[in-house]
Amino acid sequence: MIKRSDDDRLSQTFAALANSTRRAILARLAEGEATVNELAEPFDLSLPAISKHIKVLERAGLITQGQKAQYRPCTIDVTPLEEVSKWTEQYRHIWETRFDRMDDYINQLKNREKDNE
């Protein structure tokens, strides 16, 4: 059973992941830490706009910002993604059942096609 605080955290995570720019930022951080400037490079967005996206990701617990000398590198924190994975896992049996039914249906169609040849 999911506790209320877990549910709130999941809501924040899903809200953060709902934006394609934030998903792209996470994908980049999956390769290793990066500065805000490095994260901003592939986007046609201002630094303040990228910073807002980073703050959303930080509030959701998906990234952290460190302090190294003059810059603040961002790193990914996979803990909220693991929580999403656990949450979605409870629905796996539904997906698998539906895929099995679809596979059965496709096989029926193939058999009909062979019978009609």
PDB file of N, CA and C in Angstrom:
ATOM      1  N   MET A   1       0.837  -1.185   0.000  1.00  0.00           N
ATOM      2  CA  MET A   1       0.000   0.000   0.000  1.00  0.00           C
ATOM      3  C   MET A   1       0.884   1.252   0.000  1.00  0.00           C
ATOM      4  N   ILE A   2       0.493   2.233  -0.759  1.00  0.00           N
ATOM      5  CA  ILE A   2       1.266   3.481  -0.854  1.00  0.00           C
ATOM      6  C   ILE A   2       0.779   4.460   0.201  1.00  0.00           C
ATOM      7  N   LYS A   3       1.725   4.996   0.970  1.00  0.00           N
ATOM      8  CA  LYS A   3       1.383   5.987   1.990  1.00  0.00           C
ATOM      9  C   LYS A   3       1.143   7.340   1.342  1.00  0.00           C
ATOM     10  N   ARG A   4       0.442   8.200   2.054  1.00  0.00           N
ATOM     11  CA  ARG A   4       0.099   9.534   1.548  1.00  0.00           C
ATOM     12  C   ARG A   4       1.339  10.320   1.144  1.00  0.00           C
ATOM     13  N   SER A   5       2.394  10.295   1.973  1.00  0.00           N
ATOM     14  CA  SER A   5       3.606  11.053   1.639  1.00  0.00           C
ATOM     15  C   SER A   5       4.258  10.484   0.383  1.00  0.00           C
ATOM     16  N   ASP A   6       4.204   9.137   0.213  1.00  0.00           N
ATOM     17  CA  ASP A   6       4.734   8.521  -1.005  1.00  0.00           C
ATOM     18  C   ASP A   6       3.922   8.966  -2.211  1.00  0.00           C
ATOM     19  N   ASP A   7       2.602   9.046  -2.027  1.00  0.00           N
ATOM     20  CA  ASP A   7       1.715   9.463  -3.108  1.00  0.00           C
ATOM     21  C   ASP A   7       2.022  10.902  -3.523  1.00  0.00           C
ATOM     22  N   ASP A   8       2.251  11.783  -2.548  1.00  0.00           N
ATOM     23  CA  ASP A   8       2.608  13.170  -2.849  1.00  0.00           C
ATOM     24  C   ASP A   8       3.934  13.239  -3.597  1.00  0.00           C
ATOM     25  N   ARG A   9       4.874  12.407  -3.182  1.00  0.00           N
ATOM     26  CA  ARG A   9       6.182  12.387  -3.837  1.00  0.00           C
ATOM     27  C   ARG A   9       6.037  11.879  -5.270  1.00  0.00           C
ATOM     28  N   LEU A  10       5.213  10.856  -5.470  1.00  0.00           N
ATOM     29  CA  LEU A  10       4.958  10.354  -6.822  1.00  0.00           C
ATOM     30  C   LEU A  10       4.322  11.440  -7.686  1.00  0.00           C
ATOM     31  N   SER A  11       3.397  12.181  -7.123  1.00  0.00           N
ATOM     32  CA  SER A  11       2.739  13.261  -7.871  1.00  0.00           C
ATOM     33  C   SER A  11       3.762  14.306  -8.310  1.00  0.00           C
ATOM     34  N   GLN A  12       4.662  14.662  -7.412  1.00  0.00           N
ATOM     35  CA  GLN A  12       5.707  15.631  -7.757  1.00  0.00           C
ATOM     36  C   GLN A  12       6.626  15.082  -8.840  1.00  0.00           C
ATOM     37  N   THR A  13       6.957  13.813  -8.730  1.00  0.00           N
ATOM     38  CA  THR A  13       7.842  13.187  -9.716  1.00  0.00           C
ATOM     39  C   THR A  13       7.176  13.165 -11.084  1.00  0.00           C
ATOM     40  N   PHE A  14       5.922  12.711 -11.130  1.00  0.00           N
ATOM     41  CA  PHE A  14       5.218  12.666 -12.412  1.00  0.00           C
ATOM     42  C   PHE A  14       5.033  14.070 -12.996  1.00  0.00           C
ATOM     43  N   ALA A  15       4.754  15.047 -12.152  1.00  0.00           N
ATOM     44  CA  ALA A  15       4.604  16.424 -12.638  1.00  0.00           C
ATOM     45  C   ALA A  15       5.912  16.926 -13.240  1.00  0.00           C
ATOM     46  N   ALA A  16       7.026  16.607 -12.591  1.00  0.00           N
ATOM     47  CA  ALA A  16       8.328  17.031 -13.114  1.00  0.00           C
ATOM     48  C   ALA A  16       8.638  16.327 -14.432  1.00  0.00           C
ATOM     49  N   LEU A  17       8.281  15.055 -14.530  1.00  0.00           N
ATOM     50  CA  LEU A  17       8.570  14.280 -15.739  1.00  0.00           C
ATOM     51  C   LEU A  17       7.608  14.594 -16.887  1.00  0.00           C
ATOM     52  N   ALA A  18       6.554  15.339 -16.616  1.00  0.00           N
ATOM     53  CA  ALA A  18       5.560  15.642 -17.646  1.00  0.00           C
ATOM     54  C   ALA A  18       6.092  16.594 -18.714  1.00  0.00           C
ATOM     55  N   ASN A  19       7.199  17.248 -18.441  1.00  0.00           N
ATOM     56  CA  ASN A  19       7.754  18.223 -19.371  1.00  0.00           C
ATOM     57  C   ASN A  19       8.938  17.629 -20.136  1.00  0.00           C
ATOM     58  N   SER A  20       8.915  17.764 -21.453  1.00  0.00           N
ATOM     59  CA  SER A  20       9.963  17.158 -22.284  1.00  0.00           C
ATOM     60  C   SER A  20      11.347  17.774 -22.034  1.00  0.00           C
ATOM     61  N   THR A  21      11.405  19.054 -21.724  1.00  0.00           N
ATOM     62  CA  THR A  21      12.696  19.693 -21.432  1.00  0.00           C
ATOM     63  C   THR A  21      13.302  19.075 -20.176  1.00  0.00           C
ATOM     64  N   ARG A  22      12.479  18.880 -19.157  1.00  0.00           N
ATOM     65  CA  ARG A  22      12.991  18.290 -17.915  1.00  0.00           C
ATOM     66  C   ARG A  22      13.414  16.835 -18.133  1.00  0.00           C
ATOM     67  N   ARG A  23      12.678  16.098 -18.956  1.00  0.00           N
ATOM     68  CA  ARG A  23      13.088  14.722 -19.260  1.00  0.00           C
ATOM     69  C   ARG A  23      14.422  14.719 -20.002  1.00  0.00           C
ATOM     70  N   ALA A  24      14.619  15.679 -20.901  1.00  0.00           N
ATOM     71  CA  ALA A  24      15.890  15.781 -21.633  1.00  0.00           C
ATOM     72  C   ALA A  24      17.029  16.138 -20.681  1.00  0.00           C
ATOM     73  N   ILE A  25      16.764  16.997 -19.735  1.00  0.00           N
ATOM     74  CA  ILE A  25      17.783  17.356 -18.739  1.00  0.00           C
ATOM     75  C   ILE A  25      18.168  16.116 -17.935  1.00  0.00           C
ATOM     76  N   LEU A  26      17.177  15.338 -17.519  1.00  0.00           N
ATOM     77  CA  LEU A  26      17.475  14.112 -16.779  1.00  0.00           C
ATOM     78  C   LEU A  26      18.279  13.128 -17.627  1.00  0.00           C
ATOM     79  N   ALA A  27      17.913  13.019 -18.901  1.00  0.00           N
ATOM     80  CA  ALA A  27      18.650  12.117 -19.801  1.00  0.00           C
ATOM     81  C   ALA A  27      20.104  12.540 -19.888  1.00  0.00           C
ATOM     82  N   ARG A  28      20.348  13.835 -19.973  1.00  0.00           N
ATOM     83  CA  ARG A  28      21.720  14.337 -20.023  1.00  0.00           C
ATOM     84  C   ARG A  28      22.448  14.024 -18.719  1.00  0.00           C
ATOM     85  N   LEU A  29      21.766  14.216 -17.580  1.00  0.00           N
ATOM     86  CA  LEU A  29      22.403  13.973 -16.290  1.00  0.00           C
ATOM     87  C   LEU A  29      22.636  12.480 -16.032  1.00  0.00           C
ATOM     88  N   ALA A  30      21.910  11.620 -16.730  1.00  0.00           N
ATOM     89  CA  ALA A  30      22.145  10.182 -16.609  1.00  0.00           C
ATOM     90  C   ALA A  30      23.534   9.826 -17.143  1.00  0.00           C
ATOM     91  N   GLU A  31      24.083  10.689 -17.992  1.00  0.00           N
ATOM     92  CA  GLU A  31      25.430  10.485 -18.540  1.00  0.00           C
ATOM     93  C   GLU A  31      26.518  10.979 -17.590  1.00  0.00           C
ATOM     94  N   GLY A  32      26.143  11.813 -16.628  1.00  0.00           N
ATOM     95  CA  GLY A  32      27.107  12.360 -15.678  1.00  0.00           C
ATOM     96  C   GLY A  32      26.730  13.775 -15.285  1.00  0.00           C
ATOM     97  N   GLU A  33      27.412  14.294 -14.268  1.00  0.00           N
ATOM     98  CA  GLU A  33      27.081  15.628 -13.778  1.00  0.00           C
ATOM     99  C   GLU A  33      27.323  16.689 -14.844  1.00  0.00           C
ATOM    100  N   ALA A  34      26.613  17.812 -14.686  1.00  0.00           N
ATOM    101  CA  ALA A  34      26.742  18.917 -15.640  1.00  0.00           C
ATOM    102  C   ALA A  34      26.372  20.213 -14.949  1.00  0.00           C
ATOM    103  N   THR A  35      26.931  21.291 -15.450  1.00  0.00           N
ATOM    104  CA  THR A  35      26.586  22.618 -14.939  1.00  0.00           C
ATOM    105  C   THR A  35      25.294  23.075 -15.602  1.00  0.00           C
ATOM    106  N   VAL A  36      24.722  24.129 -15.072  1.00  0.00           N
ATOM    107  CA  VAL A  36      23.508  24.701 -15.659  1.00  0.00           C
ATOM    108  C   VAL A  36      23.787  25.143 -17.095  1.00  0.00           C
ATOM    109  N   ASN A  37      24.944  25.753 -17.328  1.00  0.00           N
ATOM    110  CA  ASN A  37      25.300  26.177 -18.685  1.00  0.00           C
ATOM    111  C   ASN A  37      25.385  24.990 -19.636  1.00  0.00           C
ATOM    112  N   GLU A  38      25.983  23.902 -19.179  1.00  0.00           N
ATOM    113  CA  GLU A  38      26.068  22.707 -20.019  1.00  0.00           C
ATOM    114  C   GLU A  38      24.685  22.123 -20.302  1.00  0.00           C
ATOM    115  N   LEU A  39      23.831  22.146 -19.290  1.00  0.00           N
ATOM    116  CA  LEU A  39      22.471  21.637 -19.476  1.00  0.00           C
ATOM    117  C   LEU A  39      21.666  22.509 -20.423  1.00  0.00           C
ATOM    118  N   ALA A  40      21.960  23.807 -20.436  1.00  0.00           N
ATOM    119  CA  ALA A  40      21.215  24.753 -21.270  1.00  0.00           C
ATOM    120  C   ALA A  40      21.620  24.704 -22.741  1.00  0.00           C
ATOM    121  N   GLU A  41      22.825  24.216 -23.032  1.00  0.00           N
ATOM    122  CA  GLU A  41      23.367  24.260 -24.403  1.00  0.00           C
ATOM    123  C   GLU A  41      22.421  23.759 -25.498  1.00  0.00           C
ATOM    124  N   PRO A  42      21.808  22.588 -25.359  1.00  0.00           N
ATOM    125  CA  PRO A  42      21.013  22.085 -26.491  1.00  0.00           C
ATOM    126  C   PRO A  42      19.641  22.758 -26.647  1.00  0.00           C
ATOM    127  N   PHE A  43      19.275  23.631 -25.731  1.00  0.00           N
ATOM    128  CA  PHE A  43      17.939  24.227 -25.753  1.00  0.00           C
ATOM    129  C   PHE A  43      17.964  25.675 -26.221  1.00  0.00           C
ATOM    130  N   ASP A  44      16.902  26.061 -26.850  1.00  0.00           N
ATOM    131  CA  ASP A  44      16.721  27.453 -27.247  1.00  0.00           C
ATOM    132  C   ASP A  44      15.926  28.158 -26.147  1.00  0.00           C
ATOM    133  N   LEU A  45      16.490  28.117 -24.933  1.00  0.00           N
ATOM    134  CA  LEU A  45      15.848  28.713 -23.764  1.00  0.00           C
ATOM    135  C   LEU A  45      16.862  29.573 -23.024  1.00  0.00           C
ATOM    136  N   SER A  46      16.367  30.542 -22.287  1.00  0.00           N
ATOM    137  CA  SER A  46      17.251  31.389 -21.488  1.00  0.00           C
ATOM    138  C   SER A  46      17.749  30.609 -20.269  1.00  0.00           C
ATOM    139  N   LEU A  47      18.847  31.075 -19.692  1.00  0.00           N
ATOM    140  CA  LEU A  47      19.360  30.447 -18.465  1.00  0.00           C
ATOM    141  C   LEU A  47      18.332  30.492 -17.338  1.00  0.00           C
ATOM    142  N   PRO A  48      17.591  31.622 -17.166  1.00  0.00           N
ATOM    143  CA  PRO A  48      16.561  31.619 -16.119  1.00  0.00           C
ATOM    144  C   PRO A  48      15.479  30.557 -16.360  1.00  0.00           C
ATOM    145  N   ALA A  49      15.128  30.323 -17.608  1.00  0.00           N
ATOM    146  CA  ALA A  49      14.119  29.298 -17.914  1.00  0.00           C
ATOM    147  C   ALA A  49      14.659  27.907 -17.573  1.00  0.00           C
ATOM    148  N   ILE A  50      15.911  27.636 -17.924  1.00  0.00           N
ATOM    149  CA  ILE A  50      16.537  26.347 -17.584  1.00  0.00           C
ATOM    150  C   ILE A  50      16.628  26.213 -16.069  1.00  0.00           C
ATOM    151  N   SER A  51      16.967  27.293 -15.394  1.00  0.00           N
ATOM    152  CA  SER A  51      17.060  27.260 -13.932  1.00  0.00           C
ATOM    153  C   SER A  51      15.717  26.912 -13.298  1.00  0.00           C
ATOM    154  N   LYS A  52      14.636  27.409 -13.870  1.00  0.00           N
ATOM    155  CA  LYS A  52      13.304  27.066 -13.349  1.00  0.00           C
ATOM    156  C   LYS A  52      13.037  25.569 -13.513  1.00  0.00           C
ATOM    157  N   HIS A  53      13.408  25.017 -14.655  1.00  0.00           N
ATOM    158  CA  HIS A  53      13.232  23.582 -14.866  1.00  0.00           C
ATOM    159  C   HIS A  53      14.065  22.793 -13.847  1.00  0.00           C
ATOM    160  N   ILE A  54      15.282  23.263 -13.603  1.00  0.00           N
ATOM    161  CA  ILE A  54      16.156  22.592 -12.640  1.00  0.00           C
ATOM    162  C   ILE A  54      15.548  22.642 -11.241  1.00  0.00           C
ATOM    163  N   LYS A  55      14.955  23.762 -10.881  1.00  0.00           N
ATOM    164  CA  LYS A  55      14.326  23.887  -9.561  1.00  0.00           C
ATOM    165  C   LYS A  55      13.159  22.912  -9.418  1.00  0.00           C
ATOM    166  N   VAL A  56      12.375  22.727 -10.485  1.00  0.00           N
ATOM    167  CA  VAL A  56      11.270  21.763 -10.447  1.00  0.00           C
ATOM    168  C   VAL A  56      11.821  20.355 -10.227  1.00  0.00           C
ATOM    169  N   LEU A  57      12.884  20.027 -10.949  1.00  0.00           N
ATOM    170  CA  LEU A  57      13.506  18.709 -10.802  1.00  0.00           C
ATOM    171  C   LEU A  57      14.096  18.531  -9.399  1.00  0.00           C
ATOM    172  N   GLU A  58      14.660  19.597  -8.857  1.00  0.00           N
ATOM    173  CA  GLU A  58      15.207  19.546  -7.498  1.00  0.00           C
ATOM    174  C   GLU A  58      14.107  19.327  -6.467  1.00  0.00           C
ATOM    175  N   ARG A  59      13.006  20.079  -6.589  1.00  0.00           N
ATOM    176  CA  ARG A  59      11.890  19.937  -5.649  1.00  0.00           C
ATOM    177  C   ARG A  59      11.312  18.521  -5.688  1.00  0.00           C
ATOM    178  N   ALA A  60      11.335  17.907  -6.851  1.00  0.00           N
ATOM    179  CA  ALA A  60      10.847  16.534  -6.990  1.00  0.00           C
ATOM    180  C   ALA A  60      11.880  15.516  -6.511  1.00  0.00           C
ATOM    181  N   GLY A  61      13.076  15.984  -6.173  1.00  0.00           N
ATOM    182  CA  GLY A  61      14.126  15.101  -5.680  1.00  0.00           C
ATOM    183  C   GLY A  61      14.849  14.341  -6.775  1.00  0.00           C
ATOM    184  N   LEU A  62      14.634  14.743  -8.038  1.00  0.00           N
ATOM    185  CA  LEU A  62      15.242  14.042  -9.166  1.00  0.00           C
ATOM    186  C   LEU A  62      16.679  14.451  -9.437  1.00  0.00           C
ATOM    187  N   ILE A  63      17.058  15.651  -9.003  1.00  0.00           N
ATOM    188  CA  ILE A  63      18.449  16.088  -9.155  1.00  0.00           C
ATOM    189  C   ILE A  63      18.893  16.818  -7.890  1.00  0.00           C
ATOM    190  N   THR A  64      20.194  16.892  -7.743  1.00  0.00           N
ATOM    191  CA  THR A  64      20.789  17.688  -6.675  1.00  0.00           C
ATOM    192  C   THR A  64      21.831  18.598  -7.301  1.00  0.00           C
ATOM    193  N   GLN A  65      22.056  19.719  -6.647  1.00  0.00           N
ATOM    194  CA  GLN A  65      23.105  20.639  -7.092  1.00  0.00           C
ATOM    195  C   GLN A  65      24.158  20.704  -6.014  1.00  0.00           C
ATOM    196  N   GLY A  66      25.389  20.488  -6.424  1.00  0.00           N
ATOM    197  CA  GLY A  66      26.502  20.545  -5.486  1.00  0.00           C
ATOM    198  C   GLY A  66      27.182  21.901  -5.551  1.00  0.00           C
ATOM    199  N   GLN A  67      28.297  21.999  -4.866  1.00  0.00           N
ATOM    200  CA  GLN A  67      29.081  23.235  -4.875  1.00  0.00           C
ATOM    201  C   GLN A  67      30.525  22.842  -5.065  1.00  0.00           C
ATOM    202  N   LYS A  68      31.076  23.133  -6.238  1.00  0.00           N
ATOM    203  CA  LYS A  68      32.484  22.867  -6.523  1.00  0.00           C
ATOM    204  C   LYS A  68      33.114  24.172  -6.991  1.00  0.00           C
ATOM    205  N   ALA A  69      33.926  24.715  -6.143  1.00  0.00           N
ATOM    206  CA  ALA A  69      34.617  25.980  -6.451  1.00  0.00           C
ATOM    207  C   ALA A  69      33.618  27.015  -6.943  1.00  0.00           C
ATOM    208  N   GLN A  70      33.733  27.425  -8.201  1.00  0.00           N
ATOM    209  CA  GLN A  70      32.921  28.520  -8.744  1.00  0.00           C
ATOM    210  C   GLN A  70      31.589  28.057  -9.336  1.00  0.00           C
ATOM    211  N   TYR A  71      31.401  26.751  -9.494  1.00  0.00           N
ATOM    212  CA  TYR A  71      30.180  26.312 -10.168  1.00  0.00           C
ATOM    213  C   TYR A  71      29.419  25.286  -9.332  1.00  0.00           C
ATOM    214  N   ARG A  72      28.153  25.082  -9.706  1.00  0.00           N
ATOM    215  CA  ARG A  72      27.266  24.178  -8.980  1.00  0.00           C
ATOM    216  C   ARG A  72      26.801  23.057  -9.915  1.00  0.00           C
ATOM    217  N   PRO A  73      27.553  21.966  -9.976  1.00  0.00           N
ATOM    218  CA  PRO A  73      27.174  20.884 -10.887  1.00  0.00           C
ATOM    219  C   PRO A  73      25.886  20.187 -10.434  1.00  0.00           C
ATOM    220  N   CYS A  74      25.084  19.788 -11.397  1.00  0.00           N
ATOM    221  CA  CYS A  74      23.852  19.054 -11.131  1.00  0.00           C
ATOM    222  C   CYS A  74      24.132  17.567 -11.329  1.00  0.00           C
ATOM    223  N   THR A  75      23.516  16.747 -10.498  1.00  0.00           N
ATOM    224  CA  THR A  75      23.600  15.293 -10.650  1.00  0.00           C
ATOM    225  C   THR A  75      22.203  14.712 -10.498  1.00  0.00           C
ATOM    226  N   ILE A  76      21.994  13.570 -11.130  1.00  0.00           N
ATOM    227  CA  ILE A  76      20.704  12.909 -11.065  1.00  0.00           C
ATOM    228  C   ILE A  76      20.612  12.106  -9.769  1.00  0.00           C
ATOM    229  N   ASP A  77      19.422  12.048  -9.208  1.00  0.00           N
ATOM    230  CA  ASP A  77      19.142  11.190  -8.052  1.00  0.00           C
ATOM    231  C   ASP A  77      18.055  10.227  -8.506  1.00  0.00           C
ATOM    232  N   VAL A  78      18.369   8.962  -8.590  1.00  0.00           N
ATOM    233  CA  VAL A  78      17.443   7.985  -9.158  1.00  0.00           C
ATOM    234  C   VAL A  78      16.379   7.495  -8.174  1.00  0.00           C
ATOM    235  N   THR A  79      16.457   7.893  -6.915  1.00  0.00           N
ATOM    236  CA  THR A  79      15.506   7.409  -5.916  1.00  0.00           C
ATOM    237  C   THR A  79      14.053   7.634  -6.330  1.00  0.00           C
ATOM    238  N   PRO A  80      13.659   8.851  -6.762  1.00  0.00           N
ATOM    239  CA  PRO A  80      12.260   9.026  -7.184  1.00  0.00           C
ATOM    240  C   PRO A  80      11.889   8.172  -8.402  1.00  0.00           C
ATOM    241  N   LEU A  81      12.850   7.926  -9.287  1.00  0.00           N
ATOM    242  CA  LEU A  81      12.584   7.073 -10.449  1.00  0.00           C
ATOM    243  C   LEU A  81      12.383   5.626 -10.013  1.00  0.00           C
ATOM    244  N   GLU A  82      13.104   5.196  -8.994  1.00  0.00           N
ATOM    245  CA  GLU A  82      12.899   3.853  -8.449  1.00  0.00           C
ATOM    246  C   GLU A  82      11.501   3.738  -7.847  1.00  0.00           C
ATOM    247  N   GLU A  83      11.025   4.816  -7.208  1.00  0.00           N
ATOM    248  CA  GLU A  83       9.673   4.813  -6.643  1.00  0.00           C
ATOM    249  C   GLU A  83       8.622   4.721  -7.749  1.00  0.00           C
ATOM    250  N   VAL A  84       8.852   5.395  -8.865  1.00  0.00           N
ATOM    251  CA  VAL A  84       7.950   5.297 -10.010  1.00  0.00           C
ATOM    252  C   VAL A  84       7.948   3.863 -10.536  1.00  0.00           C
ATOM    253  N   SER A  85       9.121   3.278 -10.612  1.00  0.00           N
ATOM    254  CA  SER A  85       9.236   1.907 -11.092  1.00  0.00           C
ATOM    255  C   SER A  85       8.458   0.940 -10.193  1.00  0.00           C
ATOM    256  N   LYS A  86       8.602   1.094  -8.890  1.00  0.00           N
ATOM    257  CA  LYS A  86       7.860   0.245  -7.948  1.00  0.00           C
ATOM    258  C   LYS A  86       6.354   0.441  -8.109  1.00  0.00           C
ATOM    259  N   TRP A  87       5.939   1.677  -8.274  1.00  0.00           N
ATOM    260  CA  TRP A  87       4.514   1.974  -8.430  1.00  0.00           C
ATOM    261  C   TRP A  87       3.957   1.335  -9.698  1.00  0.00           C
ATOM    262  N   THR A  88       4.690   1.455 -10.798  1.00  0.00           N
ATOM    263  CA  THR A  88       4.205   0.892 -12.059  1.00  0.00           C
ATOM    264  C   THR A  88       4.268  -0.633 -12.053  1.00  0.00           C
ATOM    265  N   GLU A  89       5.162  -1.203 -11.279  1.00  0.00           N
ATOM    266  CA  GLU A  89       5.313  -2.663 -11.232  1.00  0.00           C
ATOM    267  C   GLU A  89       4.017  -3.349 -10.795  1.00  0.00           C
ATOM    268  N   GLN A  90       3.241  -2.684  -9.952  1.00  0.00           N
ATOM    269  CA  GLN A  90       1.996  -3.295  -9.478  1.00  0.00           C
ATOM    270  C   GLN A  90       0.971  -3.487 -10.602  1.00  0.00           C
ATOM    271  N   TYR A  91       1.211  -2.861 -11.746  1.00  0.00           N
ATOM    272  CA  TYR A  91       0.302  -2.983 -12.886  1.00  0.00           C
ATOM    273  C   TYR A  91       0.841  -3.898 -13.981  1.00  0.00           C
ATOM    274  N   ARG A  92       2.013  -4.456 -13.768  1.00  0.00           N
ATOM    275  CA  ARG A  92       2.653  -5.296 -14.783  1.00  0.00           C
ATOM    276  C   ARG A  92       1.750  -6.452 -15.205  1.00  0.00           C
ATOM    277  N   HIS A  93       1.105  -7.107 -14.257  1.00  0.00           N
ATOM    278  CA  HIS A  93       0.276  -8.260 -14.603  1.00  0.00           C
ATOM    279  C   HIS A  93      -0.863  -7.867 -15.550  1.00  0.00           C
ATOM    280  N   ILE A  94      -1.368  -6.657 -15.416  1.00  0.00           N
ATOM    281  CA  ILE A  94      -2.430  -6.183 -16.313  1.00  0.00           C
ATOM    282  C   ILE A  94      -1.884  -6.044 -17.727  1.00  0.00           C
ATOM    283  N   TRP A  95      -0.721  -5.424 -17.867  1.00  0.00           N
ATOM    284  CA  TRP A  95      -0.121  -5.242 -19.190  1.00  0.00           C
ATOM    285  C   TRP A  95       0.184  -6.582 -19.827  1.00  0.00           C
ATOM    286  N   GLU A  96       0.786  -7.467 -19.027  1.00  0.00           N
ATOM    287  CA  GLU A  96       1.158  -8.768 -19.575  1.00  0.00           C
ATOM    288  C   GLU A  96      -0.065  -9.552 -20.033  1.00  0.00           C
ATOM    289  N   THR A  97      -1.151  -9.492 -19.256  1.00  0.00           N
ATOM    290  CA  THR A  97      -2.391 -10.174 -19.642  1.00  0.00           C
ATOM    291  C   THR A  97      -2.920  -9.603 -20.949  1.00  0.00           C
ATOM    292  N   ARG A  98      -2.895  -8.297 -21.074  1.00  0.00           N
ATOM    293  CA  ARG A  98      -3.393  -7.673 -22.304  1.00  0.00           C
ATOM    294  C   ARG A  98      -2.506  -8.009 -23.503  1.00  0.00           C
ATOM    295  N   PHE A  99      -1.216  -8.033 -23.300  1.00  0.00           N
ATOM    296  CA  PHE A  99      -0.313  -8.406 -24.395  1.00  0.00           C
ATOM    297  C   PHE A  99      -0.517  -9.871 -24.787  1.00  0.00           C
ATOM    298  N   ASP A 100      -0.744 -10.732 -23.786  1.00  0.00           N
ATOM    299  CA  ASP A 100      -0.998 -12.134 -24.089  1.00  0.00           C
ATOM    300  C   ASP A 100      -2.281 -12.288 -24.900  1.00  0.00           C
ATOM    301  N   ARG A 101      -3.314 -11.528 -24.532  1.00  0.00           N
ATOM    302  CA  ARG A 101      -4.577 -11.584 -25.282  1.00  0.00           C
ATOM    303  C   ARG A 101      -4.373 -11.071 -26.702  1.00  0.00           C
ATOM    304  N   MET A 102      -3.604 -10.017 -26.843  1.00  0.00           N
ATOM    305  CA  MET A 102      -3.338  -9.474 -28.174  1.00  0.00           C
ATOM    306  C   MET A 102      -2.550 -10.488 -29.002  1.00  0.00           C
ATOM    307  N   ASP A 103      -1.589 -11.134 -28.385  1.00  0.00           N
ATOM    308  CA  ASP A 103      -0.808 -12.155 -29.084  1.00  0.00           C
ATOM    309  C   ASP A 103      -1.712 -13.299 -29.540  1.00  0.00           C
ATOM    310  N   ASP A 104      -2.637 -13.721 -28.683  1.00  0.00           N
ATOM    311  CA  ASP A 104      -3.587 -14.767 -29.056  1.00  0.00           C
ATOM    312  C   ASP A 104      -4.433 -14.323 -30.248  1.00  0.00           C
ATOM    313  N   TYR A 105      -4.881 -13.096 -30.219  1.00  0.00           N
ATOM    314  CA  TYR A 105      -5.708 -12.568 -31.312  1.00  0.00           C
ATOM    315  C   TYR A 105      -4.922 -12.526 -32.632  1.00  0.00           C
ATOM    316  N   ILE A 106      -3.693 -12.093 -32.564  1.00  0.00           N
ATOM    317  CA  ILE A 106      -2.850 -12.036 -33.773  1.00  0.00           C
ATOM    318  C   ILE A 106      -2.637 -13.443 -34.326  1.00  0.00           C
ATOM    319  N   ASN A 107      -2.406 -14.397 -33.440  1.00  0.00           N
ATOM    320  CA  ASN A 107      -2.246 -15.782 -33.895  1.00  0.00           C
ATOM    321  C   ASN A 107      -3.528 -16.313 -34.542  1.00  0.00           C
ATOM    322  N   GLN A 108      -4.675 -15.945 -34.008  1.00  0.00           N
ATOM    323  CA  GLN A 108      -5.951 -16.340 -34.618  1.00  0.00           C
ATOM    324  C   GLN A 108      -6.068 -15.758 -36.022  1.00  0.00           C
ATOM    325  N   LEU A 109      -5.704 -14.500 -36.173  1.00  0.00           N
ATOM    326  CA  LEU A 109      -5.767 -13.863 -37.493  1.00  0.00           C
ATOM    327  C   LEU A 109      -4.829 -14.556 -38.476  1.00  0.00           C
ATOM    328  N   LYS A 110      -3.631 -14.895 -38.011  1.00  0.00           N
ATOM    329  CA  LYS A 110      -2.675 -15.580 -38.875  1.00  0.00           C
ATOM    330  C   LYS A 110      -3.216 -16.950 -39.296  1.00  0.00           C
ATOM    331  N   ASN A 111      -3.817 -17.648 -38.351  1.00  0.00           N
ATOM    332  CA  ASN A 111      -4.380 -18.963 -38.672  1.00  0.00           C
ATOM    333  C   ASN A 111      -5.525 -18.849 -39.675  1.00  0.00           C
ATOM    334  N   ARG A 112      -6.366 -17.849 -39.519  1.00  0.00           N
ATOM    335  CA  ARG A 112      -7.454 -17.625 -40.482  1.00  0.00           C
ATOM    336  C   ARG A 112      -6.910 -17.341 -41.870  1.00  0.00           C
ATOM    337  N   GLU A 113      -5.842 -16.529 -41.879  1.00  0.00           N
ATOM    338  CA  GLU A 113      -5.210 -16.184 -43.159  1.00  0.00           C
ATOM    339  C   GLU A 113      -4.663 -17.429 -43.847  1.00  0.00           C
ATOM    340  N   LYS A 114      -4.035 -18.313 -43.076  1.00  0.00           N
ATOM    341  CA  LYS A 114      -3.508 -19.563 -43.624  1.00  0.00           C
ATOM    342  C   LYS A 114      -4.638 -20.451 -44.127  1.00  0.00           C
ATOM    343  N   ASP A 115      -5.745 -20.495 -43.395  1.00  0.00           N
ATOM    344  CA  ASP A 115      -6.887 -21.314 -43.806  1.00  0.00           C
ATOM    345  C   ASP A 115      -7.524 -20.829 -45.096  1.00  0.00           C
ATOM    346  N   ASN A 116      -7.433 -19.523 -45.331  1.00  0.00           N
ATOM    347  CA  ASN A 116      -8.046 -18.921 -46.520  1.00  0.00           C
ATOM    348  C   ASN A 116      -7.139 -19.020 -47.745  1.00  0.00           C
ATOM    349  N   GLU A 117      -5.938 -19.462 -47.571  1.00  0.00           N
ATOM    350  CA  GLU A 117      -5.012 -19.551 -48.712  1.00  0.00           C
ATOM    351  C   GLU A 117      -5.288 -20.739 -49.568  1.00  0.00           C
TER     352      GLU A 117
END
